[in-house]
Amino acid sequence: MPDTQPPRPKKDDEANRFSARAVRYARVGTNVGSIAARMAAQRVFGLGSDRAQNAAALGAALGGLKGPIMKVAQLIATIPEAIPPEYTTELAKLQSEAPPMGWAFVKRRMTAELGADWQKKFSHFDHHPAAAASLGQVHKARSLDGRELACKLQYPDMQSAVEADLSQLQVLFALYRRFEPAIDASEIAAEISSRIREELDYRREARHVALYRDMLSGTDLVRVPNVWPDLSTGRLLTLDWMEGGRLLAHKDDPLDIRNRLATAMFTAWWFPFSRFGVIHGDPHLGNYSAFKTDGVPAGINLLDYGCIRIFPPSFVGGVVDLYMGLRDNDDERIVHAYETWGFKRLSRELIDILNIWAKFIYGPLLDDRVRSIADGVSPAEYGRREAFRVHQALKQKGPVTVPREFVFMDRAAIGLGGVFLHLRAELNFCRLFNDAIADFSVDAVARQQGTALAAAGLNSKAEVT
């Protein structure tokens, strides 16, 4: 079936309803508000603020909730500079999986999306979901001509739930600003909110799939599915079913296989970014699977396209400038990179603090040898020590507003490093990176990005923020 855009659906019958929002506000707000009140009381009455205790209480409060708030909480936990480490530890324990919708519910949802005769459009549709997460669930199906499909069906009232839960995100970051003023997290909150809202639009995700098919068409290491537009709407996305196994099932395979999978992950992330200014912002392992050729793991399937970040070409230029500046000990180029990204009021001390993080991220890319991404570090701890050092230093020199572009850039880089550690890959990351930025120029990224976005049906003026 051709890889074209799905038709626009009928008028949305699930708008951001006040009644649904009100119920969600009550459930989420009560839990989050109780923690806010506790922390405020500690401040007013001069009591010691035990961050570990408060973090545990917040984790317990959110643990009984389902839906977008879980996705938001886990997302925050993967952004090193977003919140103190005690909160990161607790939020990382939360699970985003939700109880799946039953078959009666699924039939009603599918009828709303494809019409009363929707079952006639498939030769088979599994009653039980293959996966269930915070915003929707995936059913395996079969087309009328016998091809295997993955049908991603959004839960009802998700727009209302997202808006209610994002309001509580503001509460969490307001607490952070009050008690931990070293980093101004307002832009982090804005970025998270924008990306979560985008994930509700499956028409947009379909265009992201088309974009990735174009960007990665020249590699055999990464497979991207086709969109089935006649079986897709704004809340139903039907893609090819991508056969594959869990990446971590191969963590004890021979080194050459682990390295090939790690190289595929590097390619899936750095190539679209360095050539088109696009990143896959969700490093969750469930978004990838390993495919085999002749019975041997040969690369990765890229499964989910909801969280995609498209950057101005100048931002990509800043990434390359910082790399070159660190490589050549060129302070002027390093400062130019930070200014390009939007850091304000740069001083020598602040530059040195930012360089702690920069040298950590770029360290393996500057080291021209075969190596692990980090020696003696667990995947869960990757980047945490450096983030803590930066945070402590900024307490003396802050507050610093982190540009919103960094939220998913950092998150994806940390997630990618975690995958490399899980696989115990040993690669020359320096040469891989330099291959990715070969013949780089901001103008070339602008041209390639504009062409690719237009081919995928994406408006560059609206997408590049």
Protein backbone atom coordinates (compact mmCIF):
# COMPACT_ATOMS: atom_id res chain seq x y z
CA MET A 1 0.00 0.00 0.00
CA PRO A 2 1.44 3.45 -0.87
CA ASP A 3 3.05 5.52 1.86
CA THR A 4 0.79 8.58 1.64
CA GLN A 5 -0.91 10.70 4.24
CA PRO A 6 -4.08 9.51 5.98
CA PRO A 7 -7.28 11.39 5.25
CA ARG A 8 -8.43 14.00 7.74
CA PRO A 9 -11.03 12.49 10.08
CA LYS A 10 -14.52 13.66 10.77
CA LYS A 11 -15.06 16.53 13.18
CA ASP A 12 -13.52 15.60 16.52
CA ASP A 13 -16.20 14.16 18.80
CA GLU A 14 -13.77 14.03 21.72
CA ALA A 15 -12.84 17.65 22.23
CA ASN A 16 -11.08 18.86 25.32
CA ARG A 17 -14.26 18.45 27.39
CA PHE A 18 -14.60 20.44 30.61
CA SER A 19 -16.45 17.63 32.39
CA ALA A 20 -13.69 15.10 31.67
CA ARG A 21 -11.05 17.65 32.61
CA ALA A 22 -12.75 18.45 35.89
CA VAL A 23 -12.77 14.82 37.01
CA ARG A 24 -9.11 14.45 36.08
CA TYR A 25 -8.16 17.70 37.86
CA ALA A 26 -9.75 16.39 41.03
CA ARG A 27 -7.94 13.04 40.97
CA VAL A 28 -4.49 14.28 39.98
CA GLY A 29 -4.66 17.62 41.76
CA THR A 30 -5.52 16.06 45.10
CA ASN A 31 -2.48 13.79 44.98
CA VAL A 32 -0.01 16.39 43.75
CA GLY A 33 -1.52 19.11 45.93
CA SER A 34 -1.01 17.10 49.09
CA ILE A 35 2.73 17.02 48.43
CA ALA A 36 2.78 20.74 47.61
CA ALA A 37 1.02 21.53 50.89
CA ARG A 38 3.46 19.38 52.83
CA MET A 39 6.48 21.12 51.33
CA ALA A 40 4.97 24.57 51.78
CA ALA A 41 4.31 23.83 55.47
CA GLN A 42 7.91 22.79 55.94
CA ARG A 43 9.02 26.13 54.53
CA VAL A 44 6.51 28.31 56.43
CA PHE A 45 7.16 26.72 59.81
CA GLY A 46 10.90 26.50 59.37
CA LEU A 47 10.99 22.72 59.38
CA GLY A 48 13.79 20.84 57.69
CA SER A 49 12.95 19.84 54.12
CA ASP A 50 13.77 16.18 53.64
CA ARG A 51 14.00 15.82 49.85
CA ALA A 52 14.26 12.05 49.93
CA GLN A 53 11.13 11.81 52.09
CA ASN A 54 9.20 14.29 49.95
CA ALA A 55 10.31 12.51 46.77
CA ALA A 56 9.10 9.16 48.14
CA ALA A 57 5.76 10.76 49.06
CA LEU A 58 5.38 12.20 45.55
CA GLY A 59 6.15 8.81 44.00
CA ALA A 60 3.54 7.18 46.21
CA ALA A 61 0.97 9.87 45.34
CA LEU A 62 1.45 9.44 41.59
CA GLY A 63 1.76 5.68 41.76
CA GLY A 64 -2.00 5.19 42.03
CA LEU A 65 -2.74 7.21 38.90
CA LYS A 66 -2.77 6.12 35.27
CA GLY A 67 -2.63 7.94 31.98
CA PRO A 68 -0.60 10.94 30.81
CA ILE A 69 0.65 11.95 34.27
CA MET A 70 2.68 8.73 34.33
CA LYS A 71 4.23 9.55 30.98
CA VAL A 72 5.01 13.06 32.17
CA ALA A 73 6.57 11.77 35.40
CA GLN A 74 8.75 9.23 33.64
CA LEU A 75 9.73 11.78 31.03
CA ILE A 76 10.87 14.22 33.73
CA ALA A 77 12.89 11.43 35.35
CA THR A 78 14.96 11.03 32.17
CA ILE A 79 15.94 14.72 31.93
CA PRO A 80 19.05 15.06 34.09
CA GLU A 81 18.76 18.76 34.92
CA ALA A 82 14.97 18.85 35.36
CA ILE A 83 14.63 17.88 39.04
CA PRO A 84 16.83 16.89 41.98
CA PRO A 85 18.22 13.32 41.94
CA GLU A 86 16.03 12.15 44.83
CA TYR A 87 12.92 12.90 42.78
CA THR A 88 14.44 11.36 39.65
CA THR A 89 15.00 8.09 41.50
CA GLU A 90 11.39 7.91 42.70
CA LEU A 91 9.76 8.95 39.42
CA ALA A 92 11.88 6.50 37.44
CA LYS A 93 10.22 3.68 39.40
CA LEU A 94 6.77 4.56 38.06
CA GLN A 95 5.34 2.47 35.25
CA SER A 96 3.58 4.08 32.26
CA GLU A 97 1.65 0.94 31.31
CA ALA A 98 -2.12 1.23 31.72
CA PRO A 99 -4.77 -1.48 32.03
CA PRO A 100 -5.83 -2.27 28.46
CA MET A 101 -9.30 -1.52 27.12
CA GLY A 102 -11.55 -4.57 26.86
CA TRP A 103 -12.89 -5.85 23.56
CA ALA A 104 -16.29 -4.16 23.90
CA PHE A 105 -14.53 -0.86 24.44
CA VAL A 106 -12.20 -1.46 21.51
CA LYS A 107 -15.11 -2.18 19.17
CA ARG A 108 -16.75 1.12 20.11
CA ARG A 109 -13.50 3.01 19.60
CA MET A 110 -12.82 1.37 16.23
CA THR A 111 -16.38 2.06 15.10
CA ALA A 112 -15.90 5.73 15.96
CA GLU A 113 -12.69 5.84 13.91
CA LEU A 114 -13.41 3.66 10.86
CA GLY A 115 -17.19 3.26 10.84
CA ALA A 116 -19.63 0.49 11.72
CA ASP A 117 -18.19 -1.88 9.13
CA TRP A 118 -14.61 -1.49 10.37
CA GLN A 119 -14.07 -5.23 10.94
CA LYS A 120 -14.64 -5.85 7.22
CA LYS A 121 -11.56 -3.75 6.50
CA PHE A 122 -9.32 -6.38 8.14
CA SER A 123 -9.01 -10.09 7.53
CA HIS A 124 -8.14 -10.45 11.23
CA PHE A 125 -7.97 -8.15 14.28
CA ASP A 126 -6.65 -9.44 17.63
CA HIS A 127 -9.08 -8.94 20.50
CA HIS A 128 -6.28 -8.55 23.04
CA PRO A 129 -3.69 -5.77 22.66
CA ALA A 130 -0.07 -6.61 21.97
CA ALA A 131 0.92 -3.63 24.15
CA ALA A 132 -0.81 -1.07 26.37
CA ALA A 133 0.77 2.22 27.48
CA SER A 134 -0.21 5.59 28.92
CA LEU A 135 -1.96 7.12 25.88
CA GLY A 136 -3.19 4.10 23.95
CA GLN A 137 -2.73 0.45 23.04
CA VAL A 138 -1.56 -1.54 20.02
CA HIS A 139 -3.46 -4.42 18.41
CA LYS A 140 -1.98 -6.80 15.90
CA ALA A 141 -4.15 -7.21 12.79
CA ARG A 142 -4.00 -8.47 9.24
CA SER A 143 -4.90 -6.61 6.04
CA LEU A 144 -7.30 -7.96 3.46
CA ASP A 145 -4.32 -8.97 1.32
CA GLY A 146 -2.68 -10.83 4.20
CA ARG A 147 -0.07 -8.40 5.50
CA GLU A 148 0.57 -8.06 9.24
CA LEU A 149 -0.41 -4.73 10.76
CA ALA A 150 0.04 -2.80 14.01
CA CYS A 151 -3.03 -0.73 14.94
CA LYS A 152 -2.32 1.95 17.55
CA LEU A 153 -5.60 3.04 19.14
CA GLN A 154 -5.80 6.04 21.45
CA TYR A 155 -7.75 5.82 24.71
CA PRO A 156 -10.89 7.97 25.02
CA ASP A 157 -10.77 11.50 26.50
CA MET A 158 -6.99 11.66 26.22
CA GLN A 159 -6.96 15.34 25.27
CA SER A 160 -8.85 16.22 28.45
CA ALA A 161 -6.62 13.97 30.55
CA VAL A 162 -3.45 15.47 29.06
CA GLU A 163 -4.55 19.05 29.71
CA ALA A 164 -5.50 18.21 33.29
CA ASP A 165 -2.23 16.41 33.94
CA LEU A 166 -0.09 19.11 32.34
CA SER A 167 -1.62 21.63 34.73
CA GLN A 168 -0.13 19.56 37.54
CA LEU A 169 3.22 19.59 35.78
CA GLN A 170 3.25 23.34 36.42
CA VAL A 171 2.67 22.64 40.13
CA LEU A 172 5.66 20.28 40.23
CA PHE A 173 7.97 22.77 38.55
CA ALA A 174 6.70 25.64 40.72
CA LEU A 175 7.78 23.60 43.74
CA TYR A 176 11.14 23.01 42.14
CA ARG A 177 11.66 26.74 41.48
CA ARG A 178 10.83 27.53 45.10
CA PHE A 179 13.12 25.04 46.75
CA GLU A 180 15.81 24.54 44.08
CA PRO A 181 16.30 27.90 42.31
CA ALA A 182 19.62 27.02 40.63
CA ILE A 183 17.92 26.08 37.35
CA ASP A 184 14.89 27.87 35.93
CA ALA A 185 12.83 24.95 34.61
CA SER A 186 10.09 27.03 32.96
CA GLU A 187 11.31 26.26 29.45
CA ILE A 188 11.61 22.57 30.34
CA ALA A 189 7.94 22.57 31.36
CA ALA A 190 6.94 24.35 28.14
CA GLU A 191 8.83 21.85 25.99
CA ILE A 192 7.39 18.81 27.74
CA SER A 193 3.87 20.21 27.37
CA SER A 194 4.31 20.83 23.64
CA ARG A 195 5.67 17.35 22.93
CA ILE A 196 3.00 15.55 25.00
CA ARG A 197 0.22 17.42 23.19
CA GLU A 198 1.76 16.51 19.84
CA GLU A 199 1.70 12.82 20.73
CA LEU A 200 -2.11 12.91 20.70
CA ASP A 201 -2.20 13.75 16.98
CA TYR A 202 -1.79 10.48 15.08
CA ARG A 203 -2.03 12.27 11.72
CA ARG A 204 1.10 14.14 12.73
CA GLU A 205 2.76 10.89 13.80
CA ALA A 206 1.93 9.39 10.39
CA ARG A 207 3.82 12.26 8.77
CA HIS A 208 6.74 11.62 11.13
CA VAL A 209 6.84 8.02 9.91
CA ALA A 210 7.01 9.26 6.31
CA LEU A 211 9.79 11.66 7.32
CA TYR A 212 11.87 8.88 8.86
CA ARG A 213 11.33 6.59 5.87
CA ASP A 214 12.86 9.33 3.73
CA MET A 215 15.74 10.23 6.07
CA LEU A 216 16.81 6.63 6.73
CA SER A 217 16.18 5.23 3.25
CA GLY A 218 19.91 4.87 2.61
CA THR A 219 20.74 2.51 5.50
CA ASP A 220 20.01 -1.18 5.99
CA LEU A 221 20.61 -0.93 9.76
CA VAL A 222 17.27 0.70 10.59
CA ARG A 223 13.81 -0.30 9.36
CA VAL A 224 10.85 2.08 9.27
CA PRO A 225 7.27 0.86 8.66
CA ASN A 226 4.76 2.00 6.06
CA VAL A 227 1.66 3.96 7.02
CA TRP A 228 -1.72 2.52 6.00
CA PRO A 229 -3.68 5.76 5.40
CA ASP A 230 -7.07 4.14 4.68
CA LEU A 231 -6.90 2.47 8.10
CA SER A 232 -5.70 5.55 10.01
CA THR A 233 -7.32 8.62 11.55
CA GLY A 234 -6.38 11.27 14.09
CA ARG A 235 -6.68 8.71 16.92
CA LEU A 236 -5.92 5.47 15.07
CA LEU A 237 -2.57 4.84 13.39
CA THR A 238 -2.06 1.68 11.35
CA LEU A 239 1.47 0.70 10.37
CA ASP A 240 3.25 -2.38 9.09
CA TRP A 241 3.82 -4.89 11.86
CA MET A 242 7.58 -4.97 12.42
CA GLU A 243 8.73 -8.42 13.45
CA GLY A 244 11.53 -8.32 15.99
CA GLY A 245 12.67 -9.08 19.50
CA ARG A 246 13.67 -7.00 22.50
CA LEU A 247 17.05 -5.29 22.21
CA LEU A 248 18.06 -6.41 25.68
CA ALA A 249 17.53 -10.04 24.70
CA HIS A 250 20.84 -9.64 22.85
CA LYS A 251 22.92 -8.13 25.66
CA ASP A 252 24.82 -11.41 26.08
CA ASP A 253 25.30 -12.04 22.35
CA PRO A 254 28.77 -11.97 20.77
CA LEU A 255 30.37 -8.52 20.70
CA ASP A 256 30.02 -8.10 16.93
CA ILE A 257 26.23 -8.48 17.17
CA ARG A 258 25.98 -6.11 20.14
CA ASN A 259 28.13 -3.59 18.28
CA ARG A 260 25.97 -3.85 15.16
CA LEU A 261 22.81 -3.12 17.16
CA ALA A 262 24.54 -0.21 18.92
CA THR A 263 25.70 1.17 15.56
CA ALA A 264 22.11 0.93 14.31
CA MET A 265 20.94 2.94 17.33
CA PHE A 266 23.67 5.54 16.74
CA THR A 267 22.64 5.80 13.08
CA ALA A 268 18.92 6.09 13.89
CA TRP A 269 19.63 9.03 16.19
CA TRP A 270 22.66 10.96 14.93
CA PHE A 271 22.16 10.69 11.17
CA PRO A 272 18.69 12.37 11.08
CA PHE A 273 19.91 15.02 13.52
CA SER A 274 23.19 15.90 11.79
CA ARG A 275 21.71 15.92 8.26
CA PHE A 276 18.10 17.06 8.83
CA GLY A 277 17.93 18.55 12.34
CA VAL A 278 15.49 15.87 13.55
CA ILE A 279 15.73 13.62 16.61
CA HIS A 280 13.70 10.77 17.99
CA GLY A 281 13.13 12.17 21.47
CA ASP A 282 11.96 9.05 23.31
CA PRO A 283 14.80 6.62 24.13
CA HIS A 284 12.47 4.09 25.80
CA LEU A 285 13.63 0.59 24.88
CA GLY A 286 10.07 -0.40 24.01
CA ASN A 287 10.28 1.90 20.99
CA TYR A 288 12.86 -0.32 19.30
CA SER A 289 13.18 -3.98 18.43
CA ALA A 290 15.94 -6.04 16.82
CA PHE A 291 15.26 -7.66 13.45
CA LYS A 292 17.13 -10.65 12.09
CA THR A 293 18.53 -11.51 8.67
CA ASP A 294 19.26 -15.20 8.05
CA GLY A 295 18.62 -15.85 11.73
CA VAL A 296 21.19 -13.28 12.97
CA PRO A 297 20.38 -9.87 14.54
CA ALA A 298 21.11 -7.37 11.79
CA GLY A 299 19.61 -4.04 12.87
CA ILE A 300 16.72 -2.30 14.60
CA ASN A 301 13.07 -1.58 13.90
CA LEU A 302 11.99 1.95 14.85
CA LEU A 303 8.48 1.47 16.22
CA ASP A 304 7.10 4.72 17.63
CA TYR A 305 7.13 8.24 16.15
CA GLY A 306 5.06 10.26 18.59
CA CYS A 307 7.92 12.16 20.24
CA ILE A 308 9.89 13.74 17.40
CA ARG A 309 11.78 17.03 17.79
CA ILE A 310 12.64 19.17 14.76
CA PHE A 311 15.33 21.81 15.36
CA PRO A 312 16.32 25.00 13.56
CA PRO A 313 19.43 24.31 11.44
CA SER A 314 21.30 26.89 13.54
CA PHE A 315 20.82 24.70 16.62
CA VAL A 316 22.49 21.80 14.81
CA GLY A 317 25.28 24.20 13.89
CA GLY A 318 25.72 24.95 17.59
CA VAL A 319 26.11 21.23 18.32
CA VAL A 320 28.87 20.94 15.73
CA ASP A 321 30.49 24.20 16.87
CA LEU A 322 30.65 22.99 20.47
CA TYR A 323 32.19 19.69 19.36
CA MET A 324 34.83 21.48 17.29
CA GLY A 325 35.45 24.00 20.05
CA LEU A 326 36.04 21.30 22.66
CA ARG A 327 38.22 19.31 20.26
CA ASP A 328 40.40 22.32 19.39
CA ASN A 329 40.28 24.08 22.81
CA ASP A 330 38.66 27.01 21.01
CA ASP A 331 36.89 29.05 23.71
CA GLU A 332 35.47 31.51 21.21
CA ARG A 333 33.73 28.74 19.29
CA ILE A 334 32.44 27.16 22.51
CA VAL A 335 30.92 30.48 23.64
CA HIS A 336 29.41 31.00 20.19
CA ALA A 337 27.71 27.60 20.44
CA TYR A 338 26.15 28.41 23.82
CA GLU A 339 24.98 31.81 22.55
CA THR A 340 23.50 30.20 19.43
CA TRP A 341 21.40 27.95 21.68
CA GLY A 342 20.08 30.88 23.70
CA PHE A 343 22.04 30.81 26.95
CA LYS A 344 22.01 34.30 28.47
CA ARG A 345 24.43 36.30 30.63
CA LEU A 346 27.37 34.00 30.00
CA SER A 347 30.31 34.47 32.34
CA ARG A 348 33.59 32.58 32.57
CA GLU A 349 32.28 30.69 35.60
CA LEU A 350 29.02 29.77 33.89
CA ILE A 351 30.83 28.61 30.76
CA ASP A 352 33.05 26.35 32.89
CA ILE A 353 29.96 24.86 34.54
CA LEU A 354 28.24 24.23 31.21
CA ASN A 355 31.44 22.63 29.94
CA ILE A 356 31.19 19.96 32.66
CA TRP A 357 28.08 18.65 30.97
CA ALA A 358 29.37 19.28 27.44
CA LYS A 359 32.58 17.32 28.05
CA PHE A 360 30.56 14.44 29.46
CA ILE A 361 28.24 14.25 26.42
CA TYR A 362 31.02 14.81 23.89
CA GLY A 363 33.72 12.84 25.70
CA PRO A 364 33.27 9.54 23.81
CA LEU A 365 32.91 11.46 20.51
CA LEU A 366 36.25 13.20 21.06
CA ASP A 367 38.16 10.01 21.91
CA ASP A 368 39.43 8.41 18.69
CA ARG A 369 39.59 4.78 19.82
CA VAL A 370 37.37 1.76 20.34
CA ARG A 371 35.79 2.06 23.79
CA SER A 372 32.59 1.76 25.79
CA ILE A 373 30.39 4.84 26.10
CA ALA A 374 31.37 5.01 29.81
CA ASP A 375 33.42 2.63 31.93
CA GLY A 376 32.14 1.37 35.27
CA VAL A 377 28.75 3.11 35.05
CA SER A 378 25.34 1.43 35.19
CA PRO A 379 22.70 2.40 32.59
CA ALA A 380 20.49 3.87 35.34
CA GLU A 381 23.29 6.11 36.62
CA TYR A 382 24.58 7.31 33.24
CA GLY A 383 24.85 11.12 33.35
CA ARG A 384 23.50 11.50 36.90
CA ARG A 385 26.83 12.27 38.58
CA GLU A 386 27.68 14.96 36.03
CA ALA A 387 24.20 16.47 36.25
CA PHE A 388 24.56 16.64 40.04
CA ARG A 389 27.92 18.42 39.74
CA VAL A 390 26.41 20.96 37.35
CA HIS A 391 23.44 21.49 39.63
CA GLN A 392 25.63 22.08 42.69
CA ALA A 393 27.80 24.54 40.78
CA LEU A 394 24.80 26.45 39.47
CA LYS A 395 23.54 26.90 43.02
CA GLN A 396 26.46 29.28 43.45
CA LYS A 397 26.19 30.99 40.03
CA GLY A 398 22.55 30.53 38.93
CA PRO A 399 19.75 30.79 38.25
CA VAL A 400 20.17 29.62 34.66
CA THR A 401 17.31 29.16 32.22
CA VAL A 402 17.84 25.99 30.21
CA PRO A 403 16.77 26.58 26.55
CA ARG A 404 13.82 24.36 25.73
CA GLU A 405 15.60 22.69 22.80
CA PHE A 406 17.87 20.97 25.30
CA VAL A 407 15.11 19.00 26.99
CA PHE A 408 14.77 16.24 24.42
CA MET A 409 18.31 16.62 23.13
CA ASP A 410 19.70 15.76 26.56
CA ARG A 411 17.04 13.16 27.22
CA ALA A 412 17.72 11.32 23.97
CA ALA A 413 21.51 11.50 24.43
CA ILE A 414 21.26 10.03 27.93
CA GLY A 415 18.82 7.34 26.77
CA LEU A 416 21.07 6.44 23.86
CA GLY A 417 24.07 6.14 26.19
CA GLY A 418 22.03 3.87 28.44
CA VAL A 419 21.29 1.54 25.51
CA PHE A 420 25.01 1.38 24.66
CA LEU A 421 25.75 0.45 28.28
CA HIS A 422 23.03 -2.23 28.32
CA LEU A 423 24.52 -3.75 25.16
CA ARG A 424 28.08 -3.35 26.47
CA ALA A 425 29.00 -2.02 23.05
CA GLU A 426 32.61 -1.19 22.19
CA LEU A 427 32.82 1.20 19.26
CA ASN A 428 34.85 4.08 17.91
CA PHE A 429 32.18 6.71 18.64
CA CYS A 430 34.51 9.45 17.41
CA ARG A 431 34.63 8.03 13.89
CA LEU A 432 30.91 7.30 13.86
CA PHE A 433 30.19 10.91 14.81
CA ASN A 434 32.62 12.38 12.31
CA ASP A 435 31.05 10.25 9.58
CA ALA A 436 27.65 11.66 10.60
CA ILE A 437 28.83 15.30 10.35
CA ALA A 438 30.96 14.84 7.23
CA ASP A 439 30.54 17.82 4.87
CA PHE A 440 28.32 19.51 7.47
CA SER A 441 27.01 23.01 6.93
CA VAL A 442 24.02 24.86 8.35
CA ASP A 443 22.87 25.72 4.83
CA ALA A 444 22.97 22.03 3.80
CA VAL A 445 20.88 21.07 6.83
CA ALA A 446 18.37 23.81 5.98
CA ARG A 447 18.03 22.56 2.38
CA GLN A 448 17.78 18.89 3.32
CA GLN A 449 15.38 19.58 6.16
CA GLY A 450 13.07 21.69 4.00
CA THR A 451 12.96 19.07 1.26
CA ALA A 452 12.33 16.17 3.68
CA LEU A 453 9.62 18.00 5.66
CA ALA A 454 7.79 19.02 2.49
CA ALA A 455 7.90 15.44 1.14
CA ALA A 456 6.39 14.18 4.43
CA GLY A 457 3.62 16.79 4.35
CA LEU A 458 5.05 18.80 7.25
CA ASN A 459 5.05 22.60 7.29
CA SER A 460 8.59 23.71 8.08
CA LYS A 461 7.49 27.09 9.48
CA ALA A 462 5.17 25.40 11.95
CA GLU A 463 7.44 22.45 12.79
CA VAL A 464 10.83 24.09 13.29
CA THR A 465 10.62 25.79 16.67
